[in-house]
Amino acid sequence: MEQNFKAQIMDEAGVERTLVRIAHQIIEKNQGVDNVCLIGIKTRGVPLAKRIAANIGKIEGVEVPVGELDITLYRDDLGGRAEAPVVSDTNIPFSIKDKTVILVDDVIYTCRTARAALDAIMAISRPARIQLCCMVDRGHAELPIKANYVGKNIPTSHSESVLVKLTETDGETNISIYNKK
């Protein structure tokens, strides 16, 4: 689907400031980072989780484990797709049992990705608690799921899309709104 640029919401410096703020919020809410791990939801949640972990490391002087979660097989919209899903690997090289797992994603829209991530995590093990972090919450939740950490709330219409670009995946870092054609 073709899209027309509407507005830039955050530049690279704004994204970095937001990630530092989120790192501080995670530390404060969890009274430190003992027993905390970050798991990025593929694709853009992974570099966001790594950046947040690096910020926590600078603040607290400890390394927070970071994993990668592929939710492809847990999505509830697979039946409507003509092509077979492409499954990339989940990579969580540490135990999440009895830990505080913070799921990291770029944009929350309907909350169906978050639900799929919750199902995937629970299939792996039983964490003590699960928290949700996103760069952008654009509204329109279809499920009773709410992020614990939000970079920015951006109310949008269904005819708009929010695109988070990251250097690691897109060659540049910014957040923009587009109108769908």
C-alpha atoms as a PDB file:
ATOM      1  CA  MET A   1       0.000   0.000   0.000  1.00  0.00           C
ATOM      2  CA  GLU A   2       1.375   3.373  -1.007  1.00  0.00           C
ATOM      3  CA  GLN A   3       1.625   6.111   1.615  1.00  0.00           C
ATOM      4  CA  ASN A   4       2.087   9.875   1.608  1.00  0.00           C
ATOM      5  CA  PHE A   5       4.277  11.571   4.189  1.00  0.00           C
ATOM      6  CA  LYS A   6       2.234  13.714   6.588  1.00  0.00           C
ATOM      7  CA  ALA A   7       4.537  14.795   9.437  1.00  0.00           C
ATOM      8  CA  GLN A   8       7.654  13.875  11.362  1.00  0.00           C
ATOM      9  CA  ILE A   9       6.844  13.296  15.020  1.00  0.00           C
ATOM     10  CA  MET A  10      10.359  12.708  16.353  1.00  0.00           C
ATOM     11  CA  ASP A  11      13.845  13.125  14.975  1.00  0.00           C
ATOM     12  CA  GLU A  12      16.827  11.002  16.000  1.00  0.00           C
ATOM     13  CA  ALA A  13      17.652  13.151  19.048  1.00  0.00           C
ATOM     14  CA  GLY A  14      14.029  12.957  20.193  1.00  0.00           C
ATOM     15  CA  VAL A  15      14.015   9.178  19.871  1.00  0.00           C
ATOM     16  CA  GLU A  16      17.232   8.938  21.905  1.00  0.00           C
ATOM     17  CA  ARG A  17      15.892  11.234  24.662  1.00  0.00           C
ATOM     18  CA  THR A  18      12.723   9.150  24.812  1.00  0.00           C
ATOM     19  CA  LEU A  19      14.680   5.911  25.137  1.00  0.00           C
ATOM     20  CA  VAL A  20      16.697   7.377  28.023  1.00  0.00           C
ATOM     21  CA  ARG A  21      13.444   8.448  29.732  1.00  0.00           C
ATOM     22  CA  ILE A  22      11.970   4.974  29.280  1.00  0.00           C
ATOM     23  CA  ALA A  23      15.141   3.420  30.763  1.00  0.00           C
ATOM     24  CA  HIS A  24      14.730   5.632  33.848  1.00  0.00           C
ATOM     25  CA  GLN A  25      11.039   4.696  34.120  1.00  0.00           C
ATOM     26  CA  ILE A  26      11.855   0.981  33.950  1.00  0.00           C
ATOM     27  CA  ILE A  27      14.453   1.346  36.698  1.00  0.00           C
ATOM     28  CA  GLU A  28      12.082   3.348  38.886  1.00  0.00           C
ATOM     29  CA  LYS A  29       9.010   1.130  38.417  1.00  0.00           C
ATOM     30  CA  ASN A  30      10.994  -2.041  39.135  1.00  0.00           C
ATOM     31  CA  GLN A  31      13.089  -0.506  41.936  1.00  0.00           C
ATOM     32  CA  GLY A  32      16.238  -1.326  40.029  1.00  0.00           C
ATOM     33  CA  VAL A  33      16.791  -3.959  37.388  1.00  0.00           C
ATOM     34  CA  ASP A  34      17.455  -7.108  39.394  1.00  0.00           C
ATOM     35  CA  ASN A  35      15.647  -9.956  37.679  1.00  0.00           C
ATOM     36  CA  VAL A  36      14.602  -7.743  34.732  1.00  0.00           C
ATOM     37  CA  CYS A  37      15.075  -8.691  31.089  1.00  0.00           C
ATOM     38  CA  LEU A  38      14.062  -7.003  27.854  1.00  0.00           C
ATOM     39  CA  ILE A  39      12.631  -8.925  24.924  1.00  0.00           C
ATOM     40  CA  GLY A  40      12.239  -7.134  21.615  1.00  0.00           C
ATOM     41  CA  ILE A  41       9.370  -8.111  19.345  1.00  0.00           C
ATOM     42  CA  LYS A  42      10.786  -8.567  15.853  1.00  0.00           C
ATOM     43  CA  THR A  43      11.578  -6.533  13.888  1.00  0.00           C
ATOM     44  CA  ARG A  44      11.999  -3.011  15.299  1.00  0.00           C
ATOM     45  CA  GLY A  45      11.379  -3.986  18.910  1.00  0.00           C
ATOM     46  CA  VAL A  46      14.745  -5.749  18.974  1.00  0.00           C
ATOM     47  CA  PRO A  47      16.984  -2.709  18.335  1.00  0.00           C
ATOM     48  CA  LEU A  48      14.754  -0.625  20.636  1.00  0.00           C
ATOM     49  CA  ALA A  49      15.224  -3.203  23.423  1.00  0.00           C
ATOM     50  CA  LYS A  50      18.992  -3.171  22.854  1.00  0.00           C
ATOM     51  CA  ARG A  51      19.098   0.633  23.012  1.00  0.00           C
ATOM     52  CA  ILE A  52      17.036   0.692  26.221  1.00  0.00           C
ATOM     53  CA  ALA A  53      19.300  -1.970  27.751  1.00  0.00           C
ATOM     54  CA  ALA A  54      22.373   0.100  26.821  1.00  0.00           C
ATOM     55  CA  ASN A  55      20.815   3.147  28.512  1.00  0.00           C
ATOM     56  CA  ILE A  56      20.020   1.116  31.635  1.00  0.00           C
ATOM     57  CA  GLY A  57      23.637  -0.086  31.606  1.00  0.00           C
ATOM     58  CA  LYS A  58      24.905   3.506  31.543  1.00  0.00           C
ATOM     59  CA  ILE A  59      22.566   4.512  34.382  1.00  0.00           C
ATOM     60  CA  GLU A  60      22.818   1.454  36.648  1.00  0.00           C
ATOM     61  CA  GLY A  61      26.172  -0.007  35.621  1.00  0.00           C
ATOM     62  CA  VAL A  62      24.672  -3.463  35.019  1.00  0.00           C
ATOM     63  CA  GLU A  63      23.937  -5.434  31.893  1.00  0.00           C
ATOM     64  CA  VAL A  64      20.271  -6.287  31.354  1.00  0.00           C
ATOM     65  CA  PRO A  65      19.728  -9.386  29.194  1.00  0.00           C
ATOM     66  CA  VAL A  66      18.032  -8.788  25.838  1.00  0.00           C
ATOM     67  CA  GLY A  67      16.194 -11.393  23.770  1.00  0.00           C
ATOM     68  CA  GLU A  68      14.406 -11.475  20.426  1.00  0.00           C
ATOM     69  CA  LEU A  69      10.847 -12.714  19.999  1.00  0.00           C
ATOM     70  CA  ASP A  70       9.250 -13.802  16.734  1.00  0.00           C
ATOM     71  CA  ILE A  71       5.453 -13.830  17.127  1.00  0.00           C
ATOM     72  CA  THR A  72       4.623 -14.939  13.575  1.00  0.00           C
ATOM     73  CA  LEU A  73       3.031 -18.253  14.573  1.00  0.00           C
ATOM     74  CA  TYR A  74       1.039 -16.626  17.390  1.00  0.00           C
ATOM     75  CA  ARG A  75      -0.695 -14.024  15.223  1.00  0.00           C
ATOM     76  CA  ASP A  76      -4.464 -14.349  14.926  1.00  0.00           C
ATOM     77  CA  ASP A  77      -4.539 -13.130  11.321  1.00  0.00           C
ATOM     78  CA  LEU A  78      -2.568 -15.959   9.690  1.00  0.00           C
ATOM     79  CA  GLY A  79      -5.729 -17.604   8.339  1.00  0.00           C
ATOM     80  CA  GLY A  80      -6.411 -14.591   6.130  1.00  0.00           C
ATOM     81  CA  ARG A  81      -3.032 -14.697   4.400  1.00  0.00           C
ATOM     82  CA  ALA A  82      -2.552 -16.381   1.051  1.00  0.00           C
ATOM     83  CA  GLU A  83       1.179 -16.964   1.503  1.00  0.00           C
ATOM     84  CA  ALA A  84       2.776 -19.088   4.215  1.00  0.00           C
ATOM     85  CA  PRO A  85       4.215 -17.098   7.120  1.00  0.00           C
ATOM     86  CA  VAL A  86       7.944 -16.501   7.178  1.00  0.00           C
ATOM     87  CA  VAL A  87       9.211 -17.549  10.582  1.00  0.00           C
ATOM     88  CA  SER A  88      12.446 -16.095  11.860  1.00  0.00           C
ATOM     89  CA  ASP A  89      14.021 -17.388  15.015  1.00  0.00           C
ATOM     90  CA  THR A  90      13.136 -16.404  18.532  1.00  0.00           C
ATOM     91  CA  ASN A  91      16.408 -15.914  20.392  1.00  0.00           C
ATOM     92  CA  ILE A  92      16.129 -15.742  24.177  1.00  0.00           C
ATOM     93  CA  PRO A  93      19.450 -17.171  25.442  1.00  0.00           C
ATOM     94  CA  PHE A  94      18.504 -16.906  29.139  1.00  0.00           C
ATOM     95  CA  SER A  95      15.756 -18.165  31.426  1.00  0.00           C
ATOM     96  CA  ILE A  96      12.696 -15.943  31.796  1.00  0.00           C
ATOM     97  CA  LYS A  97      11.215 -18.077  34.580  1.00  0.00           C
ATOM     98  CA  ASP A  98      10.300 -15.883  37.564  1.00  0.00           C
ATOM     99  CA  LYS A  99      11.764 -12.766  35.898  1.00  0.00           C
ATOM    100  CA  THR A 100      10.223  -9.440  35.027  1.00  0.00           C
ATOM    101  CA  VAL A 101       9.965  -9.597  31.246  1.00  0.00           C
ATOM    102  CA  ILE A 102       9.606  -6.288  29.456  1.00  0.00           C
ATOM    103  CA  LEU A 103       8.277  -6.773  25.930  1.00  0.00           C
ATOM    104  CA  VAL A 104       9.438  -3.983  23.607  1.00  0.00           C
ATOM    105  CA  ASP A 105       7.721  -3.005  20.346  1.00  0.00           C
ATOM    106  CA  ASP A 106       7.793   0.029  18.087  1.00  0.00           C
ATOM    107  CA  VAL A 107       4.076   0.843  17.652  1.00  0.00           C
ATOM    108  CA  ILE A 108       0.951  -0.289  19.458  1.00  0.00           C
ATOM    109  CA  TYR A 109      -2.159  -0.037  17.322  1.00  0.00           C
ATOM    110  CA  THR A 110      -4.783  -2.763  17.853  1.00  0.00           C
ATOM    111  CA  CYS A 111      -2.819  -4.608  20.597  1.00  0.00           C
ATOM    112  CA  ARG A 112      -3.003  -7.864  18.643  1.00  0.00           C
ATOM    113  CA  THR A 113       0.797  -8.016  18.318  1.00  0.00           C
ATOM    114  CA  ALA A 114       1.090  -7.553  22.092  1.00  0.00           C
ATOM    115  CA  ARG A 115      -1.408 -10.369  22.664  1.00  0.00           C
ATOM    116  CA  ALA A 116       0.532 -12.652  20.344  1.00  0.00           C
ATOM    117  CA  ALA A 117       3.747 -11.765  22.195  1.00  0.00           C
ATOM    118  CA  LEU A 118       2.115 -12.603  25.539  1.00  0.00           C
ATOM    119  CA  ASP A 119       1.052 -16.002  24.163  1.00  0.00           C
ATOM    120  CA  ALA A 120       4.562 -16.646  22.805  1.00  0.00           C
ATOM    121  CA  ILE A 121       6.225 -15.726  26.114  1.00  0.00           C
ATOM    122  CA  MET A 122       3.861 -17.908  28.134  1.00  0.00           C
ATOM    123  CA  ALA A 123       4.611 -20.822  25.784  1.00  0.00           C
ATOM    124  CA  ILE A 124       8.308 -20.444  26.648  1.00  0.00           C
ATOM    125  CA  SER A 125       8.076 -20.194  30.437  1.00  0.00           C
ATOM    126  CA  ARG A 126       6.298 -18.463  33.300  1.00  0.00           C
ATOM    127  CA  PRO A 127       7.789 -15.085  34.156  1.00  0.00           C
ATOM    128  CA  ALA A 128       7.035 -13.371  37.478  1.00  0.00           C
ATOM    129  CA  ARG A 129       5.443 -10.517  35.537  1.00  0.00           C
ATOM    130  CA  ILE A 130       5.279  -9.112  32.043  1.00  0.00           C
ATOM    131  CA  GLN A 131       5.395  -5.417  31.222  1.00  0.00           C
ATOM    132  CA  LEU A 132       4.900  -3.778  27.834  1.00  0.00           C
ATOM    133  CA  CYS A 133       6.958  -0.954  26.335  1.00  0.00           C
ATOM    134  CA  CYS A 134       6.441   0.848  23.028  1.00  0.00           C
ATOM    135  CA  MET A 135       7.761   3.918  21.277  1.00  0.00           C
ATOM    136  CA  VAL A 136       4.325   4.957  20.000  1.00  0.00           C
ATOM    137  CA  ASP A 137       0.808   4.165  21.174  1.00  0.00           C
ATOM    138  CA  ARG A 138      -1.478   5.325  18.388  1.00  0.00           C
ATOM    139  CA  GLY A 139      -4.784   4.335  19.969  1.00  0.00           C
ATOM    140  CA  HIS A 140      -7.437   2.024  18.478  1.00  0.00           C
ATOM    141  CA  ALA A 141      -6.843  -0.877  20.900  1.00  0.00           C
ATOM    142  CA  GLU A 142      -9.093  -3.835  20.148  1.00  0.00           C
ATOM    143  CA  LEU A 143      -8.023  -5.743  23.252  1.00  0.00           C
ATOM    144  CA  PRO A 144      -7.790  -4.711  26.934  1.00  0.00           C
ATOM    145  CA  ILE A 145      -4.008  -4.304  26.821  1.00  0.00           C
ATOM    146  CA  LYS A 146      -2.127  -1.153  27.835  1.00  0.00           C
ATOM    147  CA  ALA A 147       1.589  -0.415  27.678  1.00  0.00           C
ATOM    148  CA  ASN A 148       3.455   0.242  30.937  1.00  0.00           C
ATOM    149  CA  TYR A 149       6.006   2.454  29.158  1.00  0.00           C
ATOM    150  CA  VAL A 150       5.100   4.664  26.201  1.00  0.00           C
ATOM    151  CA  GLY A 151       7.467   6.947  24.332  1.00  0.00           C
ATOM    152  CA  LYS A 152       4.671   9.026  22.822  1.00  0.00           C
ATOM    153  CA  ASN A 153       0.900   8.796  22.510  1.00  0.00           C
ATOM    154  CA  ILE A 154      -0.094   9.824  18.993  1.00  0.00           C
ATOM    155  CA  PRO A 155      -3.833   9.700  18.319  1.00  0.00           C
ATOM    156  CA  THR A 156      -4.311   8.709  14.693  1.00  0.00           C
ATOM    157  CA  SER A 157      -7.096   7.855  12.313  1.00  0.00           C
ATOM    158  CA  HIS A 158      -7.401   4.455  10.657  1.00  0.00           C
ATOM    159  CA  SER A 159      -6.371   6.124   7.378  1.00  0.00           C
ATOM    160  CA  GLU A 160      -2.963   6.996   8.831  1.00  0.00           C
ATOM    161  CA  SER A 161       0.057   4.894   9.699  1.00  0.00           C
ATOM    162  CA  VAL A 162       2.946   5.540  12.051  1.00  0.00           C
ATOM    163  CA  LEU A 163       6.396   4.462  10.949  1.00  0.00           C
ATOM    164  CA  VAL A 164       9.288   4.127  13.372  1.00  0.00           C
ATOM    165  CA  LYS A 165      12.568   4.061  11.468  1.00  0.00           C
ATOM    166  CA  LEU A 166      15.753   2.905  13.194  1.00  0.00           C
ATOM    167  CA  THR A 167      19.311   3.067  11.937  1.00  0.00           C
ATOM    168  CA  GLU A 168      19.735  -0.659  12.571  1.00  0.00           C
ATOM    169  CA  THR A 169      16.869  -1.623  10.244  1.00  0.00           C
ATOM    170  CA  ASP A 170      16.223   1.419   8.042  1.00  0.00           C
ATOM    171  CA  GLY A 171      19.473   3.391   7.874  1.00  0.00           C
ATOM    172  CA  GLU A 172      17.975   6.368   9.743  1.00  0.00           C
ATOM    173  CA  THR A 173      16.171   7.060  13.010  1.00  0.00           C
ATOM    174  CA  ASN A 174      12.906   9.010  13.225  1.00  0.00           C
ATOM    175  CA  ILE A 175       9.166   8.622  13.716  1.00  0.00           C
ATOM    176  CA  SER A 176       6.688   9.866  11.113  1.00  0.00           C
ATOM    177  CA  ILE A 177       2.994   9.754  10.261  1.00  0.00           C
ATOM    178  CA  TYR A 178       1.827   8.842   6.772  1.00  0.00           C
ATOM    179  CA  ASN A 179      -1.567   8.993   5.080  1.00  0.00           C
ATOM    180  CA  LYS A 180      -2.531   5.732   3.409  1.00  0.00           C
ATOM    181  CA  LYS A 181      -3.560   6.125  -0.228  1.00  0.00           C
END
